Amino acid sequence: EDDAAADDDVGFGGAAASSSKEGLAQKYGSQEGDDVLRQSVVTSHARAMEKAGPSWEEMKAKEERVAKHITQLFIDGCYTPLTIERLKEEIFDAGGVDLLLTSEWPAGCLKAVPRAWPEEAEQRTMVKAAIRAGCCSQPVGEIAAAAEPKYHACGTGGVFWRRQPWKHERRGEVVQSTGELRCGVCRMITLGSLDGSRPEVKPKGKEGKGKEGVADAAGAAAAPPPPEKWLHGLELDPNSLPAAADDATVSPWSDKAAAMEVAAKAADGAEGAAAVALLRPEFNMTKEERRAWIQRFGCLPTEMQQLSDKLAKQDAPKEKKEKHKSLYKVSEKDKKKRKTGGDGR
């Protein structure tokens, strides 16, 4: 009986507690509003912390990372800016490099490269795909520009590509007779992957439809492309003079290459609109178009046409006038008399 009474008391207490909780909820409302308020307070605090800037711990960690980059050559197998600076100093002390070996490609190596021939289109597409995949590095470009090697061999890209040689700007031989600096060239060679992997190239055209498209896809899957060449031999002579090349381009890191790239982008971007604008008469041009013409070309269309006509006239072969012939026959003796005023004695 005592246990039953105790159970009755517990049950009564639980019922009373639940009834009091329901009463308080009806009297003061639910607690959902407090949760929303608490969440908004946390969000506003986080925003305030973001506006206040990084914490002391984050600033301390950043300072430690900067200190490591300044004092250590390699961190976790990766080179630091100190490595590039030390390597430039060693190149300057050595007076040049004959063979430069890097894993990454130099950034900007496609600058000043002429457009590919039809038979080179597939290879150039793979080269661009490898560059988009991130095989280039700006520090390697700085090293290549500073070293001006005779040969530069690169890996990582997975494409065998021989870039057109680019001309040195400082490394060369002074001709004693003329005092001219005869600079050599750098031949850049990229190697394929040992495992045969190649950069992924997205097809530009639409895939075939129906059974033919399925057959083409099956054929492509059955016959994988051949692996790129990953082994290449070079014959080096350290004592040889700087060699020139007929197909050499300017240095990709020179001011000329940068100007050529800007001009090429401007020509490709405004190829259609600019071609139509060039044919427009000057009296139909607006002030903005005149200003754009003068800013881009330095003159107006009519002035360009006048200069073009003048140059064409100067280059045109001159017509020979017919020699005047007298109707009367004059002897050589009479000609001398007319010139000298005497009989020639």
Protein backbone atom coordinates (compact mmCIF):
# COMPACT_ATOMS: atom_id res chain seq x y z
CA GLU A 1 0.00 0.00 0.00
CA ASP A 2 2.86 2.38 0.78
CA ASP A 3 4.40 1.66 -2.68
CA ALA A 4 1.09 2.30 -4.36
CA ALA A 5 0.73 5.55 -2.46
CA ALA A 6 4.24 6.57 -3.53
CA ASP A 7 3.39 5.75 -7.15
CA ASP A 8 0.25 7.84 -6.86
CA ASP A 9 2.30 10.74 -5.50
CA VAL A 10 4.82 10.52 -8.37
CA GLY A 11 2.06 10.32 -10.93
CA PHE A 12 0.33 13.26 -9.35
CA GLY A 13 3.58 15.25 -9.26
CA GLY A 14 4.29 14.50 -12.94
CA ALA A 15 0.80 15.49 -13.93
CA ALA A 16 1.08 18.66 -11.91
CA ALA A 17 4.43 19.52 -13.47
CA SER A 18 3.10 18.93 -16.99
CA SER A 19 0.00 20.99 -16.28
CA SER A 20 2.11 23.82 -14.87
CA LYS A 21 4.40 23.73 -17.97
CA GLU A 22 1.40 23.89 -20.29
CA GLY A 23 0.06 26.76 -18.29
CA LEU A 24 3.29 28.67 -18.47
CA ALA A 25 3.51 28.05 -22.22
CA GLN A 26 -0.03 29.35 -22.71
CA LYS A 27 0.71 32.34 -20.48
CA TYR A 28 4.11 33.45 -21.80
CA GLY A 29 4.15 31.89 -25.29
CA SER A 30 6.47 29.31 -26.87
CA GLN A 31 10.29 29.37 -26.71
CA GLU A 32 10.78 29.43 -30.50
CA GLY A 33 11.17 33.19 -30.54
CA ASP A 34 14.07 32.94 -28.09
CA ASP A 35 15.86 30.49 -30.38
CA VAL A 36 15.49 32.83 -33.35
CA LEU A 37 16.71 35.75 -31.26
CA ARG A 38 19.69 33.74 -30.01
CA GLN A 39 20.58 32.72 -33.59
CA SER A 40 20.38 36.32 -34.82
CA VAL A 41 22.65 37.42 -31.98
CA VAL A 42 25.26 34.79 -32.95
CA THR A 43 25.07 35.82 -36.63
CA SER A 44 25.48 39.49 -35.81
CA HIS A 45 28.45 38.66 -33.58
CA ALA A 46 30.11 36.70 -36.41
CA ARG A 47 29.57 39.59 -38.81
CA ALA A 48 31.06 41.99 -36.31
CA MET A 49 34.11 39.73 -35.99
CA GLU A 50 34.52 39.67 -39.77
CA LYS A 51 34.41 43.45 -39.95
CA ALA A 52 36.87 43.71 -37.07
CA GLY A 53 39.46 41.75 -39.13
CA PRO A 54 41.51 38.63 -38.42
CA SER A 55 42.14 37.52 -34.89
CA TRP A 56 45.49 37.68 -33.12
CA GLU A 57 46.05 33.95 -33.64
CA GLU A 58 45.42 34.25 -37.40
CA MET A 59 47.79 37.20 -37.69
CA LYS A 60 50.46 35.33 -35.76
CA ALA A 61 50.11 32.26 -37.99
CA LYS A 62 50.39 34.45 -41.11
CA GLU A 63 53.55 36.08 -39.81
CA GLU A 64 55.06 32.66 -39.17
CA ARG A 65 54.27 31.55 -42.72
CA VAL A 66 55.84 34.70 -44.16
CA ALA A 67 58.92 34.17 -42.00
CA LYS A 68 59.26 30.59 -43.28
CA HIS A 69 59.04 31.78 -46.89
CA ILE A 70 61.81 34.30 -46.24
CA THR A 71 64.18 32.00 -44.35
CA GLN A 72 63.56 28.53 -45.84
CA LEU A 73 64.19 27.29 -49.38
CA PHE A 74 61.58 24.52 -49.38
CA ILE A 75 58.41 23.95 -47.37
CA ASP A 76 56.66 20.56 -47.65
CA GLY A 77 58.50 19.80 -50.89
CA CYS A 78 57.56 23.12 -52.54
CA TYR A 79 59.98 25.91 -53.39
CA THR A 80 59.63 29.35 -51.85
CA PRO A 81 60.34 32.87 -53.19
CA LEU A 82 63.75 32.61 -51.52
CA THR A 83 64.58 29.66 -53.79
CA ILE A 84 63.83 31.70 -56.91
CA GLU A 85 65.90 34.62 -55.65
CA ARG A 86 68.90 32.41 -54.80
CA LEU A 87 68.67 30.64 -58.16
CA LYS A 88 68.69 33.95 -60.02
CA GLU A 89 71.83 34.97 -58.13
CA GLU A 90 73.58 31.71 -59.04
CA ILE A 91 72.61 32.13 -62.71
CA PHE A 92 74.03 35.64 -62.73
CA ASP A 93 77.29 34.44 -61.15
CA ALA A 94 77.57 31.55 -63.63
CA GLY A 95 77.06 33.82 -66.64
CA GLY A 96 74.28 31.77 -68.20
CA VAL A 97 72.83 28.28 -68.45
CA ASP A 98 73.12 25.85 -71.36
CA LEU A 99 70.40 23.39 -70.28
CA LEU A 100 67.50 24.28 -67.98
CA LEU A 101 65.40 21.42 -66.58
CA THR A 102 62.10 22.24 -64.87
CA SER A 103 59.05 20.22 -63.97
CA GLU A 104 56.64 23.09 -64.71
CA TRP A 105 56.28 25.09 -67.90
CA PRO A 106 57.17 28.79 -67.87
CA ALA A 107 54.10 31.00 -67.70
CA GLY A 108 53.54 32.99 -70.89
CA CYS A 109 55.38 30.55 -73.18
CA LEU A 110 52.63 30.87 -75.83
CA LYS A 111 53.23 34.59 -76.27
CA ALA A 112 54.58 35.63 -79.70
CA VAL A 113 53.98 32.10 -81.05
CA PRO A 114 52.48 32.25 -84.56
CA ARG A 115 49.25 30.50 -85.37
CA ALA A 116 49.51 26.76 -85.88
CA TRP A 117 49.43 25.18 -89.31
CA PRO A 118 46.55 22.77 -90.03
CA GLU A 119 48.77 19.75 -89.37
CA GLU A 120 49.76 21.24 -85.99
CA ALA A 121 46.23 22.16 -84.86
CA GLU A 122 45.69 19.02 -82.77
CA GLN A 123 49.01 19.40 -80.96
CA ARG A 124 48.40 23.11 -80.30
CA THR A 125 44.98 22.25 -78.86
CA MET A 126 46.59 19.81 -76.42
CA VAL A 127 49.19 22.43 -75.49
CA LYS A 128 46.46 24.93 -74.62
CA ALA A 129 44.60 22.25 -72.66
CA ALA A 130 47.75 21.48 -70.65
CA ILE A 131 48.21 25.18 -69.89
CA ARG A 132 44.59 25.47 -68.75
CA ALA A 133 45.14 22.45 -66.50
CA GLY A 134 47.77 24.41 -64.57
CA CYS A 135 51.15 23.14 -65.77
CA CYS A 136 52.63 26.66 -66.02
CA SER A 137 54.33 28.63 -63.28
CA GLN A 138 55.23 32.31 -63.06
CA PRO A 139 58.48 31.70 -61.08
CA VAL A 140 59.67 29.27 -63.77
CA GLY A 141 59.04 31.98 -66.34
CA GLU A 142 61.19 34.37 -64.33
CA ILE A 143 63.98 31.79 -64.17
CA ALA A 144 63.82 31.12 -67.93
CA ALA A 145 63.91 34.85 -68.71
CA ALA A 146 66.88 35.37 -66.38
CA ALA A 147 68.85 32.28 -67.46
CA GLU A 148 68.30 32.53 -71.25
CA PRO A 149 69.38 28.89 -71.73
CA LYS A 150 70.20 27.24 -75.02
CA TYR A 151 67.70 24.47 -74.27
CA HIS A 152 64.80 24.36 -71.83
CA ALA A 153 63.21 20.96 -71.17
CA CYS A 154 59.92 20.77 -69.22
CA GLY A 155 57.64 18.03 -67.97
CA THR A 156 54.28 17.84 -66.16
CA GLY A 157 52.13 18.88 -69.14
CA GLY A 158 51.90 15.45 -70.75
CA VAL A 159 52.46 16.83 -74.28
CA PHE A 160 55.52 16.59 -76.52
CA TRP A 161 55.87 20.04 -78.04
CA ARG A 162 58.80 21.91 -79.53
CA ARG A 163 58.13 25.60 -79.32
CA GLN A 164 59.56 27.95 -81.93
CA PRO A 165 62.95 29.22 -80.63
CA TRP A 166 62.83 32.56 -78.88
CA LYS A 167 65.64 35.09 -79.12
CA HIS A 168 67.90 35.97 -76.22
CA GLU A 169 68.02 39.63 -75.26
CA ARG A 170 71.25 39.78 -73.24
CA ARG A 171 73.24 36.61 -73.80
CA GLY A 172 75.32 36.59 -76.96
CA GLU A 173 78.63 37.43 -78.62
CA VAL A 174 79.88 40.87 -79.57
CA VAL A 175 81.06 41.10 -83.18
CA GLN A 176 84.45 42.86 -83.09
CA SER A 177 84.14 44.42 -86.53
CA THR A 178 80.77 46.08 -85.91
CA GLY A 179 80.44 46.02 -82.12
CA GLU A 180 76.98 44.44 -82.49
CA LEU A 181 75.68 41.98 -79.90
CA ARG A 182 74.74 38.79 -81.73
CA CYS A 183 72.31 36.94 -79.49
CA GLY A 184 71.39 33.28 -79.70
CA VAL A 185 68.08 31.49 -79.19
CA CYS A 186 66.46 29.19 -76.65
CA ARG A 187 64.79 25.99 -77.82
CA MET A 188 62.01 24.94 -75.45
CA ILE A 189 60.92 21.28 -75.44
CA THR A 190 58.08 19.80 -73.40
CA LEU A 191 57.91 16.05 -72.80
CA GLY A 192 54.97 13.67 -72.50
CA SER A 193 54.07 11.53 -69.49
CA LEU A 194 55.73 8.20 -68.85
CA ASP A 195 52.37 6.52 -68.14
CA GLY A 196 50.93 7.73 -71.45
CA SER A 197 48.38 10.13 -69.95
CA ARG A 198 47.43 13.17 -72.01
CA PRO A 199 45.54 16.38 -71.21
CA GLU A 200 41.81 16.18 -71.72
CA VAL A 201 40.62 18.04 -74.79
CA LYS A 202 36.94 18.89 -75.10
CA PRO A 203 35.62 18.46 -78.64
CA LYS A 204 34.42 21.67 -80.23
CA GLY A 205 31.93 20.15 -82.69
CA LYS A 206 28.71 18.38 -81.84
CA GLU A 207 28.84 14.63 -81.42
CA GLY A 208 27.25 12.46 -84.06
CA LYS A 209 23.64 11.44 -83.61
CA GLY A 210 22.07 8.03 -83.92
CA LYS A 211 23.92 4.84 -84.70
CA GLU A 212 26.81 6.58 -86.45
CA GLY A 213 27.55 8.71 -83.37
CA VAL A 214 27.46 5.62 -81.14
CA ALA A 215 29.78 3.80 -83.52
CA ASP A 216 32.24 6.70 -83.58
CA ALA A 217 32.25 6.87 -79.77
CA ALA A 218 32.80 3.11 -79.52
CA GLY A 219 35.65 3.30 -82.03
CA ALA A 220 37.29 6.14 -80.14
CA ALA A 221 37.00 4.19 -76.87
CA ALA A 222 38.41 1.04 -78.45
CA ALA A 223 41.41 2.81 -80.01
CA PRO A 224 43.05 5.12 -77.45
CA PRO A 225 45.38 7.80 -78.79
CA PRO A 226 49.08 6.96 -78.91
CA PRO A 227 51.17 8.15 -75.95
CA GLU A 228 53.17 11.33 -76.28
CA LYS A 229 56.94 11.17 -76.67
CA TRP A 230 58.56 11.29 -73.23
CA LEU A 231 62.21 10.71 -74.19
CA HIS A 232 64.26 13.15 -76.26
CA GLY A 233 67.98 13.41 -76.97
CA LEU A 234 70.04 16.58 -77.31
CA GLU A 235 73.56 17.20 -78.56
CA LEU A 236 75.11 20.02 -76.55
CA ASP A 237 78.40 21.83 -77.02
CA PRO A 238 79.19 24.21 -74.14
CA ASN A 239 81.91 25.93 -76.20
CA SER A 240 79.72 26.59 -79.24
CA LEU A 241 78.80 30.15 -80.21
CA PRO A 242 75.23 31.41 -79.90
CA ALA A 243 73.17 29.86 -82.67
CA ALA A 244 70.48 31.71 -84.60
CA ALA A 245 67.25 30.35 -86.09
CA ASP A 246 65.19 31.51 -89.06
CA ASP A 247 61.87 30.83 -87.31
CA ALA A 248 62.88 32.47 -84.02
CA THR A 249 60.36 34.68 -82.23
CA VAL A 250 60.87 37.49 -79.74
CA SER A 251 61.24 36.59 -76.10
CA PRO A 252 57.84 35.76 -74.54
CA TRP A 253 58.72 38.00 -71.59
CA SER A 254 59.81 41.05 -73.58
CA ASP A 255 57.85 44.25 -74.11
CA LYS A 256 57.42 43.41 -77.80
CA ALA A 257 55.68 40.13 -76.96
CA ALA A 258 53.31 41.91 -74.58
CA ALA A 259 52.45 44.48 -77.25
CA MET A 260 51.87 41.71 -79.82
CA GLU A 261 49.54 39.88 -77.43
CA VAL A 262 47.48 43.01 -76.77
CA ALA A 263 47.21 43.70 -80.51
CA ALA A 264 46.18 40.10 -81.23
CA LYS A 265 43.46 40.16 -78.57
CA ALA A 266 42.15 43.47 -79.85
CA ALA A 267 42.10 42.16 -83.41
CA ASP A 268 40.32 38.92 -82.44
CA GLY A 269 37.80 40.66 -80.19
CA ALA A 270 36.78 43.35 -82.67
CA GLU A 271 37.29 41.47 -85.91
CA GLY A 272 33.75 41.81 -87.21
CA ALA A 273 32.71 45.15 -85.75
CA ALA A 274 36.01 46.86 -86.53
CA ALA A 275 35.95 45.62 -90.12
CA VAL A 276 32.53 47.21 -90.63
CA ALA A 277 33.58 50.38 -88.81
CA LEU A 278 36.62 50.76 -91.08
CA LEU A 279 34.35 51.01 -94.11
CA ARG A 280 32.14 53.70 -92.64
CA PRO A 281 32.59 57.19 -94.13
CA GLU A 282 34.02 59.76 -91.80
CA PHE A 283 31.07 62.13 -92.00
CA ASN A 284 28.79 59.42 -90.52
CA MET A 285 31.04 58.81 -87.53
CA THR A 286 30.00 60.03 -84.10
CA LYS A 287 32.27 61.88 -81.70
CA GLU A 288 32.82 58.70 -79.69
CA GLU A 289 33.85 56.79 -82.82
CA ARG A 290 36.22 59.56 -83.87
CA ARG A 291 37.77 59.55 -80.42
CA ALA A 292 38.13 55.75 -80.52
CA TRP A 293 39.77 55.92 -83.95
CA ILE A 294 42.26 58.57 -82.86
CA GLN A 295 43.01 56.72 -79.61
CA ARG A 296 43.60 53.41 -81.40
CA PHE A 297 45.21 54.45 -84.71
CA GLY A 298 46.30 58.05 -84.09
CA CYS A 299 44.43 59.42 -87.11
CA LEU A 300 41.07 59.40 -88.90
CA PRO A 301 40.03 57.06 -91.76
CA THR A 302 40.41 59.73 -94.44
CA GLU A 303 43.93 60.52 -93.29
CA MET A 304 44.82 56.84 -93.41
CA GLN A 305 43.40 56.57 -96.92
CA GLN A 306 45.33 59.63 -98.10
CA LEU A 307 48.56 58.22 -96.69
CA SER A 308 47.86 54.85 -98.30
CA ASP A 309 47.26 56.46 -101.70
CA LYS A 310 50.47 58.48 -101.36
CA LEU A 311 52.54 55.40 -100.55
CA ALA A 312 50.95 53.46 -103.40
CA LYS A 313 51.78 56.28 -105.78
CA GLN A 314 55.39 56.38 -104.62
CA ASP A 315 55.80 52.62 -104.99
CA ALA A 316 54.20 52.54 -108.43
CA PRO A 317 56.72 52.23 -111.31
CA LYS A 318 57.26 55.48 -113.20
CA GLU A 319 56.23 55.57 -116.81
CA LYS A 320 59.00 56.41 -119.24
CA LYS A 321 58.20 59.28 -121.58
CA GLU A 322 58.84 58.87 -125.26
CA LYS A 323 61.98 60.57 -126.47
CA HIS A 324 61.38 63.54 -128.77
CA LYS A 325 62.53 62.89 -132.30
CA SER A 326 63.09 65.65 -134.85
CA LEU A 327 61.47 65.45 -138.24
CA TYR A 328 64.64 66.72 -139.91
CA LYS A 329 67.79 64.69 -140.20
CA VAL A 330 70.71 66.39 -138.45
CA SER A 331 74.27 65.15 -138.75
CA GLU A 332 76.60 64.79 -135.78
CA LYS A 333 78.71 67.68 -137.12
CA ASP A 334 75.72 70.04 -137.06
CA LYS A 335 74.85 68.93 -133.53
CA LYS A 336 78.35 69.86 -132.33
CA LYS A 337 78.07 73.25 -134.01
CA ARG A 338 74.83 73.95 -132.20
CA LYS A 339 76.33 72.98 -128.85
CA THR A 340 79.68 74.76 -129.18
CA GLY A 341 78.67 77.60 -131.47
CA GLY A 342 81.44 76.81 -133.94
CA ASP A 343 82.48 74.33 -136.56
CA GLY A 344 84.17 72.10 -134.00
CA ARG A 345 87.76 72.92 -134.90
